[in-house]
Amino acid sequence: MGKGGALGERAPCLQPANWEDADNVKEWFLQMMNRLPSPMKEGLRSLIVLTIWEVWRERMKQQSFHERMQASAEDYGIHL
């Protein structure tokens, strides 16, 4: 898998089995950054932020869809 093997082999802290317990995403993120070798930090930081952003965006899209459906149903006298 390219130079140096799989990413999980080069940075075992990325494997979920090696994660420490965290109470929230911020705590988990900081733990990951502190355990990762410096050359990998920027790439992982970007990957994590983009993933969280995509999850948030999808959640907002679904919430917006639900609100539009509810408003549409109420137009027809249906209460959800």
PDB file of N, CA and C in Angstrom:
ATOM      1  N   MET A   1       0.829  -1.189   0.000  1.00  0.00           N
ATOM      2  CA  MET A   1       0.000   0.000   0.000  1.00  0.00           C
ATOM      3  C   MET A   1       0.869   1.246   0.000  1.00  0.00           C
ATOM      4  N   GLY A   2       1.754   1.361  -0.882  1.00  0.00           N
ATOM      5  CA  GLY A   2       2.618   2.531  -0.976  1.00  0.00           C
ATOM      6  C   GLY A   2       3.750   2.490   0.023  1.00  0.00           C
ATOM      7  N   LYS A   3       4.445   3.599   0.112  1.00  0.00           N
ATOM      8  CA  LYS A   3       5.612   3.722   0.970  1.00  0.00           C
ATOM      9  C   LYS A   3       5.245   3.576   2.455  1.00  0.00           C
ATOM     10  N   GLY A   4       5.847   2.627   3.112  1.00  0.00           N
ATOM     11  CA  GLY A   4       5.677   2.487   4.551  1.00  0.00           C
ATOM     12  C   GLY A   4       4.504   1.659   5.007  1.00  0.00           C
ATOM     13  N   GLY A   5       3.750   1.058   4.129  1.00  0.00           N
ATOM     14  CA  GLY A   5       2.634   0.215   4.541  1.00  0.00           C
ATOM     15  C   GLY A   5       1.363   1.007   4.786  1.00  0.00           C
ATOM     16  N   ALA A   6       0.384   0.291   5.336  1.00  0.00           N
ATOM     17  CA  ALA A   6      -0.925   0.897   5.593  1.00  0.00           C
ATOM     18  C   ALA A   6      -0.814   1.997   6.650  1.00  0.00           C
ATOM     19  N   LEU A   7      -1.700   2.945   6.565  1.00  0.00           N
ATOM     20  CA  LEU A   7      -1.682   4.072   7.491  1.00  0.00           C
ATOM     21  C   LEU A   7      -1.806   3.599   8.935  1.00  0.00           C
ATOM     22  N   GLY A   8      -2.674   2.625   9.177  1.00  0.00           N
ATOM     23  CA  GLY A   8      -2.845   2.093  10.523  1.00  0.00           C
ATOM     24  C   GLY A   8      -1.589   1.438  11.066  1.00  0.00           C
ATOM     25  N   GLU A   9      -0.752   0.912  10.177  1.00  0.00           N
ATOM     26  CA  GLU A   9       0.516   0.316  10.608  1.00  0.00           C
ATOM     27  C   GLU A   9       1.530   1.397  10.951  1.00  0.00           C
ATOM     28  N   ARG A  10       1.514   2.497  10.208  1.00  0.00           N
ATOM     29  CA  ARG A  10       2.452   3.598  10.465  1.00  0.00           C
ATOM     30  C   ARG A  10       2.020   4.452  11.644  1.00  0.00           C
ATOM     31  N   ALA A  11       0.735   4.456  11.924  1.00  0.00           N
ATOM     32  CA  ALA A  11       0.204   5.251  13.039  1.00  0.00           C
ATOM     33  C   ALA A  11      -0.864   4.418  13.759  1.00  0.00           C
ATOM     34  N   PRO A  12      -0.447   3.510  14.627  1.00  0.00           N
ATOM     35  CA  PRO A  12      -1.398   2.631  15.313  1.00  0.00           C
ATOM     36  C   PRO A  12      -2.476   3.384  16.094  1.00  0.00           C
ATOM     37  N   CYS A  13      -2.209   4.628  16.477  1.00  0.00           N
ATOM     38  CA  CYS A  13      -3.213   5.395  17.230  1.00  0.00           C
ATOM     39  C   CYS A  13      -4.463   5.649  16.403  1.00  0.00           C
ATOM     40  N   LEU A  14      -4.397   5.469  15.078  1.00  0.00           N
ATOM     41  CA  LEU A  14      -5.563   5.685  14.226  1.00  0.00           C
ATOM     42  C   LEU A  14      -6.544   4.517  14.268  1.00  0.00           C
ATOM     43  N   GLN A  15      -6.104   3.379  14.749  1.00  0.00           N
ATOM     44  CA  GLN A  15      -6.979   2.210  14.816  1.00  0.00           C
ATOM     45  C   GLN A  15      -7.920   2.358  16.005  1.00  0.00           C
ATOM     46  N   PRO A  16      -9.233   2.250  15.778  1.00  0.00           N
ATOM     47  CA  PRO A  16     -10.199   2.451  16.868  1.00  0.00           C
ATOM     48  C   PRO A  16      -9.915   1.608  18.118  1.00  0.00           C
ATOM     49  N   ALA A  17      -9.359   0.433  17.951  1.00  0.00           N
ATOM     50  CA  ALA A  17      -9.047  -0.407  19.114  1.00  0.00           C
ATOM     51  C   ALA A  17      -8.029   0.267  20.030  1.00  0.00           C
ATOM     52  N   ASN A  18      -7.263   1.213  19.511  1.00  0.00           N
ATOM     53  CA  ASN A  18      -6.238   1.901  20.297  1.00  0.00           C
ATOM     54  C   ASN A  18      -6.694   3.263  20.824  1.00  0.00           C
ATOM     55  N   TRP A  19      -7.921   3.645  20.559  1.00  0.00           N
ATOM     56  CA  TRP A  19      -8.422   4.939  21.015  1.00  0.00           C
ATOM     57  C   TRP A  19      -8.693   4.902  22.505  1.00  0.00           C
ATOM     58  N   GLU A  20      -8.461   6.019  23.158  1.00  0.00           N
ATOM     59  CA  GLU A  20      -8.807   6.176  24.565  1.00  0.00           C
ATOM     60  C   GLU A  20     -10.246   6.683  24.640  1.00  0.00           C
ATOM     61  N   ASP A  21     -10.880   6.464  25.780  1.00  0.00           N
ATOM     62  CA  ASP A  21     -12.234   6.977  25.964  1.00  0.00           C
ATOM     63  C   ASP A  21     -12.211   8.507  25.942  1.00  0.00           C
ATOM     64  N   ALA A  22     -13.231   9.066  25.334  1.00  0.00           N
ATOM     65  CA  ALA A  22     -13.365  10.522  25.286  1.00  0.00           C
ATOM     66  C   ALA A  22     -14.827  10.870  25.530  1.00  0.00           C
ATOM     67  N   ASP A  23     -15.052  11.977  26.216  1.00  0.00           N
ATOM     68  CA  ASP A  23     -16.415  12.400  26.526  1.00  0.00           C
ATOM     69  C   ASP A  23     -17.080  13.175  25.397  1.00  0.00           C
ATOM     70  N   ASN A  24     -16.265  13.689  24.460  1.00  0.00           N
ATOM     71  CA  ASN A  24     -16.830  14.462  23.363  1.00  0.00           C
ATOM     72  C   ASN A  24     -15.856  14.468  22.191  1.00  0.00           C
ATOM     73  N   VAL A  25     -16.290  14.999  21.077  1.00  0.00           N
ATOM     74  CA  VAL A  25     -15.474  14.996  19.859  1.00  0.00           C
ATOM     75  C   VAL A  25     -14.206  15.827  20.042  1.00  0.00           C
ATOM     76  N   LYS A  26     -14.330  16.950  20.719  1.00  0.00           N
ATOM     77  CA  LYS A  26     -13.157  17.816  20.924  1.00  0.00           C
ATOM     78  C   LYS A  26     -12.069  17.071  21.698  1.00  0.00           C
ATOM     79  N   GLU A  27     -12.461  16.392  22.763  1.00  0.00           N
ATOM     80  CA  GLU A  27     -11.492  15.631  23.567  1.00  0.00           C
ATOM     81  C   GLU A  27     -10.846  14.524  22.728  1.00  0.00           C
ATOM     82  N   TRP A  28     -11.669  13.794  21.941  1.00  0.00           N
ATOM     83  CA  TRP A  28     -11.142  12.730  21.077  1.00  0.00           C
ATOM     84  C   TRP A  28     -10.161  13.309  20.050  1.00  0.00           C
ATOM     85  N   PHE A  29     -10.557  14.428  19.437  1.00  0.00           N
ATOM     86  CA  PHE A  29      -9.718  15.075  18.427  1.00  0.00           C
ATOM     87  C   PHE A  29      -8.365  15.462  19.015  1.00  0.00           C
ATOM     88  N   LEU A  30      -8.370  16.081  20.195  1.00  0.00           N
ATOM     89  CA  LEU A  30      -7.110  16.495  20.820  1.00  0.00           C
ATOM     90  C   LEU A  30      -6.245  15.286  21.179  1.00  0.00           C
ATOM     91  N   GLN A  31      -6.870  14.207  21.640  1.00  0.00           N
ATOM     92  CA  GLN A  31      -6.116  12.984  21.928  1.00  0.00           C
ATOM     93  C   GLN A  31      -5.438  12.463  20.660  1.00  0.00           C
ATOM     94  N   MET A  32      -6.186  12.448  19.573  1.00  0.00           N
ATOM     95  CA  MET A  32      -5.626  11.960  18.298  1.00  0.00           C
ATOM     96  C   MET A  32      -4.449  12.823  17.858  1.00  0.00           C
ATOM     97  N   MET A  33      -4.605  14.124  17.955  1.00  0.00           N
ATOM     98  CA  MET A  33      -3.534  15.031  17.531  1.00  0.00           C
ATOM     99  C   MET A  33      -2.282  14.864  18.401  1.00  0.00           C
ATOM    100  N   ASN A  34      -2.472  14.628  19.681  1.00  0.00           N
ATOM    101  CA  ASN A  34      -1.332  14.476  20.582  1.00  0.00           C
ATOM    102  C   ASN A  34      -0.599  13.153  20.389  1.00  0.00           C
ATOM    103  N   ARG A  35      -1.283  12.137  19.880  1.00  0.00           N
ATOM    104  CA  ARG A  35      -0.672  10.818  19.734  1.00  0.00           C
ATOM    105  C   ARG A  35      -0.108  10.567  18.333  1.00  0.00           C
ATOM    106  N   LEU A  36      -0.440  11.401  17.386  1.00  0.00           N
ATOM    107  CA  LEU A  36      -0.047  11.187  15.996  1.00  0.00           C
ATOM    108  C   LEU A  36       1.321  11.785  15.708  1.00  0.00           C
ATOM    109  N   PRO A  37       2.148  11.086  14.919  1.00  0.00           N
ATOM    110  CA  PRO A  37       3.444  11.659  14.524  1.00  0.00           C
ATOM    111  C   PRO A  37       3.243  12.983  13.779  1.00  0.00           C
ATOM    112  N   SER A  38       4.106  13.940  14.030  1.00  0.00           N
ATOM    113  CA  SER A  38       3.971  15.292  13.457  1.00  0.00           C
ATOM    114  C   SER A  38       3.713  15.341  11.959  1.00  0.00           C
ATOM    115  N   PRO A  39       4.455  14.583  11.127  1.00  0.00           N
ATOM    116  CA  PRO A  39       4.217  14.713   9.680  1.00  0.00           C
ATOM    117  C   PRO A  39       2.798  14.344   9.250  1.00  0.00           C
ATOM    118  N   MET A  40       2.078  13.590  10.071  1.00  0.00           N
ATOM    119  CA  MET A  40       0.733  13.149   9.704  1.00  0.00           C
ATOM    120  C   MET A  40      -0.362  14.057  10.251  1.00  0.00           C
ATOM    121  N   LYS A  41      -0.045  14.938  11.169  1.00  0.00           N
ATOM    122  CA  LYS A  41      -1.068  15.723  11.862  1.00  0.00           C
ATOM    123  C   LYS A  41      -1.908  16.589  10.930  1.00  0.00           C
ATOM    124  N   GLU A  42      -1.277  17.282  10.001  1.00  0.00           N
ATOM    125  CA  GLU A  42      -2.023  18.189   9.130  1.00  0.00           C
ATOM    126  C   GLU A  42      -3.042  17.437   8.282  1.00  0.00           C
ATOM    127  N   GLY A  43      -2.617  16.306   7.710  1.00  0.00           N
ATOM    128  CA  GLY A  43      -3.526  15.523   6.882  1.00  0.00           C
ATOM    129  C   GLY A  43      -4.684  14.949   7.674  1.00  0.00           C
ATOM    130  N   LEU A  44      -4.389  14.422   8.855  1.00  0.00           N
ATOM    131  CA  LEU A  44      -5.452  13.858   9.685  1.00  0.00           C
ATOM    132  C   LEU A  44      -6.398  14.956  10.157  1.00  0.00           C
ATOM    133  N   ARG A  45      -5.854  16.092  10.530  1.00  0.00           N
ATOM    134  CA  ARG A  45      -6.685  17.213  10.971  1.00  0.00           C
ATOM    135  C   ARG A  45      -7.676  17.578   9.849  1.00  0.00           C
ATOM    136  N   SER A  46      -7.189  17.660   8.636  1.00  0.00           N
ATOM    137  CA  SER A  46      -8.062  17.986   7.500  1.00  0.00           C
ATOM    138  C   SER A  46      -9.127  16.909   7.297  1.00  0.00           C
ATOM    139  N   LEU A  47      -8.720  15.647   7.377  1.00  0.00           N
ATOM    140  CA  LEU A  47      -9.660  14.545   7.187  1.00  0.00           C
ATOM    141  C   LEU A  47     -10.758  14.564   8.248  1.00  0.00           C
ATOM    142  N   ILE A  48     -10.382  14.770   9.493  1.00  0.00           N
ATOM    143  CA  ILE A  48     -11.363  14.793  10.579  1.00  0.00           C
ATOM    144  C   ILE A  48     -12.318  15.968  10.423  1.00  0.00           C
ATOM    145  N   VAL A  49     -11.788  17.151  10.160  1.00  0.00           N
ATOM    146  CA  VAL A  49     -12.640  18.337  10.030  1.00  0.00           C
ATOM    147  C   VAL A  49     -13.601  18.179   8.845  1.00  0.00           C
ATOM    148  N   LEU A  50     -13.121  17.684   7.723  1.00  0.00           N
ATOM    149  CA  LEU A  50     -13.998  17.499   6.560  1.00  0.00           C
ATOM    150  C   LEU A  50     -15.065  16.447   6.828  1.00  0.00           C
ATOM    151  N   THR A  51     -14.712  15.386   7.542  1.00  0.00           N
ATOM    152  CA  THR A  51     -15.689  14.345   7.875  1.00  0.00           C
ATOM    153  C   THR A  51     -16.771  14.898   8.790  1.00  0.00           C
ATOM    154  N   ILE A  52     -16.369  15.617   9.828  1.00  0.00           N
ATOM    155  CA  ILE A  52     -17.339  16.203  10.753  1.00  0.00           C
ATOM    156  C   ILE A  52     -18.236  17.190  10.012  1.00  0.00           C
ATOM    157  N   TRP A  53     -17.656  17.976   9.124  1.00  0.00           N
ATOM    158  CA  TRP A  53     -18.439  18.938   8.356  1.00  0.00           C
ATOM    159  C   TRP A  53     -19.472  18.229   7.483  1.00  0.00           C
ATOM    160  N   GLU A  54     -19.078  17.140   6.834  1.00  0.00           N
ATOM    161  CA  GLU A  54     -20.013  16.395   5.983  1.00  0.00           C
ATOM    162  C   GLU A  54     -21.152  15.800   6.803  1.00  0.00           C
ATOM    163  N   VAL A  55     -20.846  15.266   7.976  1.00  0.00           N
ATOM    164  CA  VAL A  55     -21.886  14.716   8.849  1.00  0.00           C
ATOM    165  C   VAL A  55     -22.842  15.823   9.267  1.00  0.00           C
ATOM    166  N   TRP A  56     -22.302  16.970   9.666  1.00  0.00           N
ATOM    167  CA  TRP A  56     -23.131  18.103  10.067  1.00  0.00           C
ATOM    168  C   TRP A  56     -24.013  18.562   8.910  1.00  0.00           C
ATOM    169  N   ARG A  57     -23.426  18.670   7.723  1.00  0.00           N
ATOM    170  CA  ARG A  57     -24.168  19.134   6.546  1.00  0.00           C
ATOM    171  C   ARG A  57     -25.323  18.184   6.217  1.00  0.00           C
ATOM    172  N   GLU A  58     -25.061  16.874   6.278  1.00  0.00           N
ATOM    173  CA  GLU A  58     -26.110  15.887   6.010  1.00  0.00           C
ATOM    174  C   GLU A  58     -27.217  15.982   7.062  1.00  0.00           C
ATOM    175  N   ARG A  59     -26.822  16.171   8.316  1.00  0.00           N
ATOM    176  CA  ARG A  59     -27.814  16.306   9.384  1.00  0.00           C
ATOM    177  C   ARG A  59     -28.693  17.528   9.145  1.00  0.00           C
ATOM    178  N   MET A  60     -28.090  18.640   8.766  1.00  0.00           N
ATOM    179  CA  MET A  60     -28.859  19.861   8.504  1.00  0.00           C
ATOM    180  C   MET A  60     -29.790  19.669   7.309  1.00  0.00           C
ATOM    181  N   LYS A  61     -29.304  18.959   6.294  1.00  0.00           N
ATOM    182  CA  LYS A  61     -30.128  18.706   5.117  1.00  0.00           C
ATOM    183  C   LYS A  61     -31.358  17.879   5.500  1.00  0.00           C
ATOM    184  N   GLN A  62     -31.164  16.850   6.316  1.00  0.00           N
ATOM    185  CA  GLN A  62     -32.284  16.004   6.723  1.00  0.00           C
ATOM    186  C   GLN A  62     -33.233  16.752   7.649  1.00  0.00           C
ATOM    187  N   GLN A  63     -32.686  17.563   8.542  1.00  0.00           N
ATOM    188  CA  GLN A  63     -33.527  18.349   9.440  1.00  0.00           C
ATOM    189  C   GLN A  63     -34.367  19.326   8.629  1.00  0.00           C
ATOM    190  N   SER A  64     -33.767  19.959   7.645  1.00  0.00           N
ATOM    191  CA  SER A  64     -34.483  20.898   6.786  1.00  0.00           C
ATOM    192  C   SER A  64     -35.584  20.178   6.015  1.00  0.00           C
ATOM    193  N   PHE A  65     -35.292  18.972   5.513  1.00  0.00           N
ATOM    194  CA  PHE A  65     -36.287  18.186   4.786  1.00  0.00           C
ATOM    195  C   PHE A  65     -37.464  17.867   5.698  1.00  0.00           C
ATOM    196  N   HIS A  66     -37.165  17.446   6.926  1.00  0.00           N
ATOM    197  CA  HIS A  66     -38.228  17.111   7.872  1.00  0.00           C
ATOM    198  C   HIS A  66     -39.091  18.348   8.161  1.00  0.00           C
ATOM    199  N   GLU A  67     -38.468  19.493   8.340  1.00  0.00           N
ATOM    200  CA  GLU A  67     -39.224  20.716   8.611  1.00  0.00           C
ATOM    201  C   GLU A  67     -40.111  21.090   7.427  1.00  0.00           C
ATOM    202  N   ARG A  68     -39.598  20.919   6.193  1.00  0.00           N
ATOM    203  CA  ARG A  68     -40.411  21.214   5.006  1.00  0.00           C
ATOM    204  C   ARG A  68     -41.583  20.246   4.904  1.00  0.00           C
ATOM    205  N   MET A  69     -41.348  18.973   5.208  1.00  0.00           N
ATOM    206  CA  MET A  69     -42.420  17.975   5.148  1.00  0.00           C
ATOM    207  C   MET A  69     -43.489  18.279   6.192  1.00  0.00           C
ATOM    208  N   GLN A  70     -43.047  18.676   7.386  1.00  0.00           N
ATOM    209  CA  GLN A  70     -43.989  18.993   8.445  1.00  0.00           C
ATOM    210  C   GLN A  70     -44.837  20.207   8.055  1.00  0.00           C
ATOM    211  N   ALA A  71     -44.212  21.235   7.494  1.00  0.00           N
ATOM    212  CA  ALA A  71     -44.940  22.419   7.060  1.00  0.00           C
ATOM    213  C   ALA A  71     -45.919  22.060   5.957  1.00  0.00           C
ATOM    214  N   SER A  72     -45.500  21.210   5.035  1.00  0.00           N
ATOM    215  CA  SER A  72     -46.368  20.792   3.939  1.00  0.00           C
ATOM    216  C   SER A  72     -47.550  19.999   4.477  1.00  0.00           C
ATOM    217  N   ALA A  73     -47.294  19.119   5.416  1.00  0.00           N
ATOM    218  CA  ALA A  73     -48.386  18.314   6.008  1.00  0.00           C
ATOM    219  C   ALA A  73     -49.376  19.227   6.718  1.00  0.00           C
ATOM    220  N   GLU A  74     -48.871  20.219   7.431  1.00  0.00           N
ATOM    221  CA  GLU A  74     -49.755  21.136   8.145  1.00  0.00           C
ATOM    222  C   GLU A  74     -50.618  21.946   7.173  1.00  0.00           C
ATOM    223  N   ASP A  75     -50.111  22.195   5.965  1.00  0.00           N
ATOM    224  CA  ASP A  75     -50.902  22.889   4.951  1.00  0.00           C
ATOM    225  C   ASP A  75     -52.159  22.090   4.598  1.00  0.00           C
ATOM    226  N   TYR A  76     -52.061  20.762   4.741  1.00  0.00           N
ATOM    227  CA  TYR A  76     -53.205  19.886   4.438  1.00  0.00           C
ATOM    228  C   TYR A  76     -53.947  19.457   5.704  1.00  0.00           C
ATOM    229  N   GLY A  77     -53.643  20.086   6.820  1.00  0.00           N
ATOM    230  CA  GLY A  77     -54.338  19.782   8.059  1.00  0.00           C
ATOM    231  C   GLY A  77     -53.852  18.521   8.763  1.00  0.00           C
ATOM    232  N   ILE A  78     -52.690  18.029   8.374  1.00  0.00           N
ATOM    233  CA  ILE A  78     -52.109  16.848   8.990  1.00  0.00           C
ATOM    234  C   ILE A  78     -51.091  17.313  10.015  1.00  0.00           C
ATOM    235  N   HIS A  79     -51.213  16.839  11.220  1.00  0.00           N
ATOM    236  CA  HIS A  79     -50.279  17.237  12.266  1.00  0.00           C
ATOM    237  C   HIS A  79     -49.369  16.057  12.605  1.00  0.00           C
ATOM    238  N   LEU A  80     -48.070  16.252  12.393  1.00  0.00           N
ATOM    239  CA  LEU A  80     -47.096  15.180  12.648  1.00  0.00           C
ATOM    240  C   LEU A  80     -46.575  15.247  14.060  1.00  0.00           C
TER     241      LEU A  80
END
